[in-house]
PDB file of N, CA and C in Angstrom:
ATOM      1  N   UNK A   1     -11.324   3.779 -77.802  1.00  0.00           N
ATOM      2  CA  UNK A   1     -11.327   2.200 -77.286  1.00  0.00           C
ATOM      3  C   UNK A   1     -10.707   1.880 -75.989  1.00  0.00           C
ATOM      4  N   UNK A   2      -9.515   2.810 -75.920  1.00  0.00           N
ATOM      5  CA  UNK A   2      -8.659   2.587 -74.542  1.00  0.00           C
ATOM      6  C   UNK A   2      -9.579   3.224 -73.070  1.00  0.00           C
ATOM      7  N   UNK A   3     -10.687   4.122 -73.349  1.00  0.00           N
ATOM      8  CA  UNK A   3     -11.553   4.389 -72.173  1.00  0.00           C
ATOM      9  C   UNK A   3     -12.176   3.126 -71.873  1.00  0.00           C
ATOM     10  N   UNK A   4     -12.839   2.272 -72.601  1.00  0.00           N
ATOM     11  CA  UNK A   4     -13.433   1.399 -72.425  1.00  0.00           C
ATOM     12  C   UNK A   4     -13.741   0.471 -71.222  1.00  0.00           C
ATOM     13  N   UNK A   5     -12.176   0.087 -70.827  1.00  0.00           N
ATOM     14  CA  UNK A   5     -11.586  -0.614 -69.239  1.00  0.00           C
ATOM     15  C   UNK A   5     -11.815   0.500 -68.463  1.00  0.00           C
ATOM     16  N   UNK A   6     -12.005   1.504 -68.515  1.00  0.00           N
ATOM     17  CA  UNK A   6     -12.401   2.749 -67.305  1.00  0.00           C
ATOM     18  C   UNK A   6     -14.057   2.959 -67.038  1.00  0.00           C
ATOM     19  N   UNK A   7     -14.677   2.209 -67.957  1.00  0.00           N
ATOM     20  CA  UNK A   7     -16.190   2.267 -68.019  1.00  0.00           C
ATOM     21  C   UNK A   7     -16.794   0.715 -67.864  1.00  0.00           C
ATOM     22  N   UNK A   8     -17.327   1.087 -66.753  1.00  0.00           N
ATOM     23  CA  UNK A   8     -18.254  -0.872 -66.149  1.00  0.00           C
ATOM     24  C   UNK A   8     -19.558  -0.570 -66.551  1.00  0.00           C
ATOM     25  N   UNK A   9     -19.937  -1.925 -66.788  1.00  0.00           N
ATOM     26  CA  UNK A   9     -21.692  -1.914 -66.876  1.00  0.00           C
ATOM     27  C   UNK A   9     -22.211  -1.752 -65.565  1.00  0.00           C
ATOM     28  N   UNK A  10     -23.074  -1.271 -65.326  1.00  0.00           N
ATOM     29  CA  UNK A  10     -23.861  -0.860 -64.173  1.00  0.00           C
ATOM     30  C   UNK A  10     -24.537  -2.021 -63.663  1.00  0.00           C
ATOM     31  N   UNK A  11     -24.852  -2.966 -64.303  1.00  0.00           N
ATOM     32  CA  UNK A  11     -25.405  -4.272 -63.503  1.00  0.00           C
ATOM     33  C   UNK A  11     -24.183  -5.360 -63.090  1.00  0.00           C
ATOM     34  N   UNK A  12     -23.250  -5.476 -63.578  1.00  0.00           N
ATOM     35  CA  UNK A  12     -22.362  -6.491 -63.640  1.00  0.00           C
ATOM     36  C   UNK A  12     -21.342  -6.036 -63.204  1.00  0.00           C
ATOM     37  N   UNK A  13     -20.863  -4.413 -63.087  1.00  0.00           N
ATOM     38  CA  UNK A  13     -19.325  -4.056 -62.777  1.00  0.00           C
ATOM     39  C   UNK A  13     -18.515  -4.751 -63.825  1.00  0.00           C
ATOM     40  N   UNK A  14     -18.557  -5.391 -64.900  1.00  0.00           N
ATOM     41  CA  UNK A  14     -17.640  -5.788 -65.494  1.00  0.00           C
ATOM     42  C   UNK A  14     -17.161  -4.129 -66.733  1.00  0.00           C
ATOM     43  N   UNK A  15     -15.938  -4.655 -66.994  1.00  0.00           N
ATOM     44  CA  UNK A  15     -15.530  -3.518 -68.104  1.00  0.00           C
ATOM     45  C   UNK A  15     -16.628  -3.576 -69.721  1.00  0.00           C
ATOM     46  N   UNK A  16     -17.080  -2.643 -70.190  1.00  0.00           N
ATOM     47  CA  UNK A  16     -17.837  -2.751 -71.637  1.00  0.00           C
ATOM     48  C   UNK A  16     -16.971  -3.206 -72.420  1.00  0.00           C
ATOM     49  N   UNK A  17     -17.755  -3.804 -73.074  1.00  0.00           N
ATOM     50  CA  UNK A  17     -17.103  -4.833 -74.290  1.00  0.00           C
ATOM     51  C   UNK A  17     -18.140  -4.546 -75.575  1.00  0.00           C
ATOM     52  N   UNK A  18     -17.375  -3.750 -76.511  1.00  0.00           N
ATOM     53  CA  UNK A  18     -18.066  -3.534 -77.787  1.00  0.00           C
ATOM     54  C   UNK A  18     -17.252  -4.436 -79.102  1.00  0.00           C
ATOM     55  N   UNK A  19     -18.506  -4.439 -79.882  1.00  0.00           N
ATOM     56  CA  UNK A  19     -18.131  -4.698 -81.482  1.00  0.00           C
ATOM     57  C   UNK A  19     -18.336  -3.976 -82.206  1.00  0.00           C
ATOM     58  N   UNK A  20     -17.830  -3.520 -82.934  1.00  0.00           N
ATOM     59  CA  UNK A  20     -18.494  -2.627 -84.170  1.00  0.00           C
ATOM     60  C   UNK A  20     -18.168  -3.031 -85.751  1.00  0.00           C
ATOM     61  N   UNK A  21     -18.875  -2.949 -86.727  1.00  0.00           N
ATOM     62  CA  UNK A  21     -18.899  -3.114 -88.022  1.00  0.00           C
ATOM     63  C   UNK A  21     -19.248  -2.094 -88.674  1.00  0.00           C
ATOM     64  N   UNK A  22     -18.464  -2.182 -89.788  1.00  0.00           N
ATOM     65  CA  UNK A  22     -18.595  -0.810 -91.024  1.00  0.00           C
ATOM     66  C   UNK A  22     -18.411  -1.273 -92.314  1.00  0.00           C
ATOM     67  N   UNK A  23     -19.336  -0.817 -92.961  1.00  0.00           N
ATOM     68  CA  UNK A  23     -19.210  -1.120 -94.461  1.00  0.00           C
ATOM     69  C   UNK A  23     -19.733  -0.092 -95.676  1.00  0.00           C
ATOM     70  N   UNK A  24     -19.195   0.071 -96.681  1.00  0.00           N
ATOM     71  CA  UNK A  24     -19.573   1.280 -97.410  1.00  0.00           C
ATOM     72  C   UNK A  24     -20.466   0.742 -98.519  1.00  0.00           C
ATOM     73  N   UNK A  25     -21.437   1.471 -99.083  1.00  0.00           N
ATOM     74  CA  UNK A  25     -22.166   1.290 -99.812  1.00  0.00           C
ATOM     75  C   UNK A  25     -23.594   2.196-100.062  1.00  0.00           C
ATOM     76  N   UNK A  26     -24.746   1.866-100.868  1.00  0.00           N
ATOM     77  CA  UNK A  26     -25.878   2.661-100.773  1.00  0.00           C
ATOM     78  C   UNK A  26     -26.688   2.350 -99.840  1.00  0.00           C
ATOM     79  N   UNK A  27     -27.095   3.135 -99.116  1.00  0.00           N
ATOM     80  CA  UNK A  27     -28.290   3.108 -98.266  1.00  0.00           C
ATOM     81  C   UNK A  27     -29.093   4.168 -98.550  1.00  0.00           C
ATOM     82  N   UNK A  28     -30.546   3.764 -97.903  1.00  0.00           N
ATOM     83  CA  UNK A  28     -31.396   4.634 -97.842  1.00  0.00           C
ATOM     84  C   UNK A  28     -32.217   5.108 -96.215  1.00  0.00           C
ATOM     85  N   UNK A  29     -32.215   6.123 -95.968  1.00  0.00           N
ATOM     86  CA  UNK A  29     -32.741   6.161 -94.324  1.00  0.00           C
ATOM     87  C   UNK A  29     -34.137   7.132 -94.578  1.00  0.00           C
ATOM     88  N   UNK A  30     -34.685   7.422 -93.283  1.00  0.00           N
ATOM     89  CA  UNK A  30     -35.590   8.053 -93.098  1.00  0.00           C
ATOM     90  C   UNK A  30     -36.482   7.879 -91.948  1.00  0.00           C
ATOM     91  N   UNK A  31     -37.486   8.632 -91.355  1.00  0.00           N
ATOM     92  CA  UNK A  31     -38.276   8.358 -90.275  1.00  0.00           C
ATOM     93  C   UNK A  31     -39.297   7.511 -90.544  1.00  0.00           C
ATOM     94  N   UNK A  32     -39.764   6.900 -89.495  1.00  0.00           N
ATOM     95  CA  UNK A  32     -40.325   5.648 -89.370  1.00  0.00           C
ATOM     96  C   UNK A  32     -41.429   5.541 -88.172  1.00  0.00           C
ATOM     97  N   UNK A  33     -42.786   5.972 -88.502  1.00  0.00           N
ATOM     98  CA  UNK A  33     -43.908   5.900 -87.485  1.00  0.00           C
ATOM     99  C   UNK A  33     -44.231   7.203 -87.310  1.00  0.00           C
ATOM    100  N   UNK A  34     -45.142   7.720 -86.664  1.00  0.00           N
ATOM    101  CA  UNK A  34     -46.129   8.934 -86.697  1.00  0.00           C
ATOM    102  C   UNK A  34     -46.181   9.130 -85.087  1.00  0.00           C
ATOM    103  N   UNK A  35     -46.575   8.772 -84.422  1.00  0.00           N
ATOM    104  CA  UNK A  35     -46.516   9.024 -83.042  1.00  0.00           C
ATOM    105  C   UNK A  35     -45.205   9.051 -82.306  1.00  0.00           C
ATOM    106  N   UNK A  36     -44.297   7.760 -82.403  1.00  0.00           N
ATOM    107  CA  UNK A  36     -43.036   8.026 -82.036  1.00  0.00           C
ATOM    108  C   UNK A  36     -42.185   7.686 -83.037  1.00  0.00           C
ATOM    109  N   UNK A  37     -41.658   8.571 -84.139  1.00  0.00           N
ATOM    110  CA  UNK A  37     -40.973   8.298 -85.015  1.00  0.00           C
ATOM    111  C   UNK A  37     -39.489   8.066 -84.756  1.00  0.00           C
ATOM    112  N   UNK A  38     -38.750   7.041 -85.645  1.00  0.00           N
ATOM    113  CA  UNK A  38     -37.484   6.675 -85.242  1.00  0.00           C
ATOM    114  C   UNK A  38     -36.818   6.606 -86.421  1.00  0.00           C
ATOM    115  N   UNK A  39     -35.536   7.221 -86.685  1.00  0.00           N
ATOM    116  CA  UNK A  39     -34.818   7.177 -87.755  1.00  0.00           C
ATOM    117  C   UNK A  39     -34.036   5.794 -87.801  1.00  0.00           C
ATOM    118  N   UNK A  40     -34.436   5.331 -89.153  1.00  0.00           N
ATOM    119  CA  UNK A  40     -33.762   3.924 -89.506  1.00  0.00           C
ATOM    120  C   UNK A  40     -33.071   4.070 -90.771  1.00  0.00           C
ATOM    121  N   UNK A  41     -32.049   3.255 -91.170  1.00  0.00           N
ATOM    122  CA  UNK A  41     -31.428   3.216 -92.197  1.00  0.00           C
ATOM    123  C   UNK A  41     -31.323   1.468 -92.919  1.00  0.00           C
ATOM    124  N   UNK A  42     -31.440   1.669 -94.247  1.00  0.00           N
ATOM    125  CA  UNK A  42     -32.039   0.336 -95.033  1.00  0.00           C
ATOM    126  C   UNK A  42     -31.060   0.246 -96.114  1.00  0.00           C
ATOM    127  N   UNK A  43     -30.763  -1.161 -96.392  1.00  0.00           N
ATOM    128  CA  UNK A  43     -29.880  -1.076 -97.627  1.00  0.00           C
ATOM    129  C   UNK A  43     -28.821  -2.498 -97.552  1.00  0.00           C
ATOM    130  N   UNK A  44     -28.372  -2.589 -98.139  1.00  0.00           N
ATOM    131  CA  UNK A  44     -27.425  -3.836 -98.102  1.00  0.00           C
ATOM    132  C   UNK A  44     -26.204  -3.246 -97.514  1.00  0.00           C
ATOM    133  N   UNK A  45     -25.423  -2.281 -97.296  1.00  0.00           N
ATOM    134  CA  UNK A  45     -24.239  -2.185 -96.426  1.00  0.00           C
ATOM    135  C   UNK A  45     -24.936  -1.898 -95.068  1.00  0.00           C
ATOM    136  N   UNK A  46     -25.881  -1.600 -94.749  1.00  0.00           N
ATOM    137  CA  UNK A  46     -26.529  -1.738 -93.398  1.00  0.00           C
ATOM    138  C   UNK A  46     -26.532  -2.977 -93.114  1.00  0.00           C
ATOM    139  N   UNK A  47     -26.923  -3.943 -93.946  1.00  0.00           N
ATOM    140  CA  UNK A  47     -27.350  -5.451 -93.399  1.00  0.00           C
ATOM    141  C   UNK A  47     -25.799  -6.015 -93.405  1.00  0.00           C
ATOM    142  N   UNK A  48     -25.111  -5.631 -94.231  1.00  0.00           N
ATOM    143  CA  UNK A  48     -23.551  -6.283 -94.049  1.00  0.00           C
ATOM    144  C   UNK A  48     -22.813  -6.011 -92.987  1.00  0.00           C
ATOM    145  N   UNK A  49     -23.289  -4.406 -92.313  1.00  0.00           N
ATOM    146  CA  UNK A  49     -22.219  -4.091 -91.436  1.00  0.00           C
ATOM    147  C   UNK A  49     -22.996  -4.663 -90.028  1.00  0.00           C
ATOM    148  N   UNK A  50     -24.345  -4.859 -89.926  1.00  0.00           N
ATOM    149  CA  UNK A  50     -24.986  -5.434 -88.865  1.00  0.00           C
ATOM    150  C   UNK A  50     -24.254  -7.058 -88.798  1.00  0.00           C
ATOM    151  N   UNK A  51     -24.447  -7.494 -90.116  1.00  0.00           N
ATOM    152  CA  UNK A  51     -23.912  -9.450 -89.968  1.00  0.00           C
ATOM    153  C   UNK A  51     -22.360  -8.946 -89.317  1.00  0.00           C
ATOM    154  N   UNK A  52     -21.349  -8.108 -89.967  1.00  0.00           N
ATOM    155  CA  UNK A  52     -20.282  -8.139 -89.502  1.00  0.00           C
ATOM    156  C   UNK A  52     -20.318  -8.121 -88.162  1.00  0.00           C
ATOM    157  N   UNK A  53     -20.694  -7.167 -87.440  1.00  0.00           N
ATOM    158  CA  UNK A  53     -20.757  -6.644 -86.007  1.00  0.00           C
ATOM    159  C   UNK A  53     -21.330  -8.119 -85.377  1.00  0.00           C
ATOM    160  N   UNK A  54     -22.505  -8.437 -85.618  1.00  0.00           N
ATOM    161  CA  UNK A  54     -23.032  -9.771 -84.749  1.00  0.00           C
ATOM    162  C   UNK A  54     -22.060 -10.733 -84.855  1.00  0.00           C
ATOM    163  N   UNK A  55     -21.592 -11.194 -86.052  1.00  0.00           N
ATOM    164  CA  UNK A  55     -20.896 -12.523 -86.112  1.00  0.00           C
ATOM    165  C   UNK A  55     -19.250 -12.454 -85.326  1.00  0.00           C
ATOM    166  N   UNK A  56     -19.044 -10.938 -84.926  1.00  0.00           N
ATOM    167  CA  UNK A  56     -17.571 -10.970 -84.302  1.00  0.00           C
ATOM    168  C   UNK A  56     -17.695 -11.291 -83.409  1.00  0.00           C
ATOM    169  N   UNK A  57     -16.391 -12.383 -83.123  1.00  0.00           N
ATOM    170  CA  UNK A  57     -16.043 -13.597 -81.694  1.00  0.00           C
ATOM    171  C   UNK A  57     -15.448 -12.288 -80.822  1.00  0.00           C
ATOM    172  N   UNK A  58     -14.466 -11.577 -81.200  1.00  0.00           N
ATOM    173  CA  UNK A  58     -13.830 -10.899 -80.469  1.00  0.00           C
ATOM    174  C   UNK A  58     -14.583  -9.405 -79.889  1.00  0.00           C
ATOM    175  N   UNK A  59     -14.506  -9.077 -78.874  1.00  0.00           N
ATOM    176  CA  UNK A  59     -14.906  -7.761 -78.370  1.00  0.00           C
ATOM    177  C   UNK A  59     -13.829  -6.690 -78.668  1.00  0.00           C
ATOM    178  N   UNK A  60     -13.744  -5.646 -78.897  1.00  0.00           N
ATOM    179  CA  UNK A  60     -12.728  -4.525 -78.697  1.00  0.00           C
ATOM    180  C   UNK A  60     -12.360  -4.414 -79.988  1.00  0.00           C
ATOM    181  N   UNK A  61     -12.926  -5.195 -81.206  1.00  0.00           N
ATOM    182  CA  UNK A  61     -12.364  -4.811 -82.616  1.00  0.00           C
ATOM    183  C   UNK A  61     -13.462  -4.389 -83.209  1.00  0.00           C
ATOM    184  N   UNK A  62     -12.572  -3.577 -84.511  1.00  0.00           N
ATOM    185  CA  UNK A  62     -13.739  -2.956 -85.580  1.00  0.00           C
ATOM    186  C   UNK A  62     -13.647  -3.765 -86.615  1.00  0.00           C
ATOM    187  N   UNK A  63     -14.691  -4.269 -87.304  1.00  0.00           N
ATOM    188  CA  UNK A  63     -14.813  -4.937 -88.525  1.00  0.00           C
ATOM    189  C   UNK A  63     -15.040  -4.452 -89.588  1.00  0.00           C
ATOM    190  N   UNK A  64     -14.221  -4.251 -90.773  1.00  0.00           N
ATOM    191  CA  UNK A  64     -14.407  -3.134 -92.174  1.00  0.00           C
ATOM    192  C   UNK A  64     -14.334  -3.760 -93.107  1.00  0.00           C
ATOM    193  N   UNK A  65     -15.394  -3.725 -94.138  1.00  0.00           N
ATOM    194  CA  UNK A  65     -15.511  -4.448 -95.122  1.00  0.00           C
ATOM    195  C   UNK A  65     -15.944  -3.229 -96.116  1.00  0.00           C
ATOM    196  N   UNK A  66     -15.848  -3.403 -97.581  1.00  0.00           N
ATOM    197  CA  UNK A  66     -16.313  -2.363 -98.709  1.00  0.00           C
ATOM    198  C   UNK A  66     -14.703  -1.551 -98.777  1.00  0.00           C
ATOM    199  N   UNK A  67     -15.122  -0.119 -99.374  1.00  0.00           N
ATOM    200  CA  UNK A  67     -14.042   0.647 -99.830  1.00  0.00           C
ATOM    201  C   UNK A  67     -13.213   1.094 -98.627  1.00  0.00           C
ATOM    202  N   UNK A  68     -13.814   0.991 -97.429  1.00  0.00           N
ATOM    203  CA  UNK A  68     -13.191   1.754 -96.316  1.00  0.00           C
ATOM    204  C   UNK A  68     -12.154   0.870 -95.365  1.00  0.00           C
ATOM    205  N   UNK A  69     -11.630   0.058 -95.784  1.00  0.00           N
ATOM    206  CA  UNK A  69     -10.592  -0.758 -95.292  1.00  0.00           C
ATOM    207  C   UNK A  69      -9.276  -0.169 -95.411  1.00  0.00           C
TER     208      UNK A  69
END
């Protein structure tokens, strides 16, 4: 996280700002597609972590839920 202040966005030259959400639980993963396969993760834990990341107001914080606190 300390290195983020040294990295700038290429289009705005502003420091990189990130938000991270982590949650533990059951997930299912797999490759989706045949022409251009992509790895995807599905499950309640993934959805919860995604919501934690997207609703975080402050950049530079790691939001944790489940048993990984």
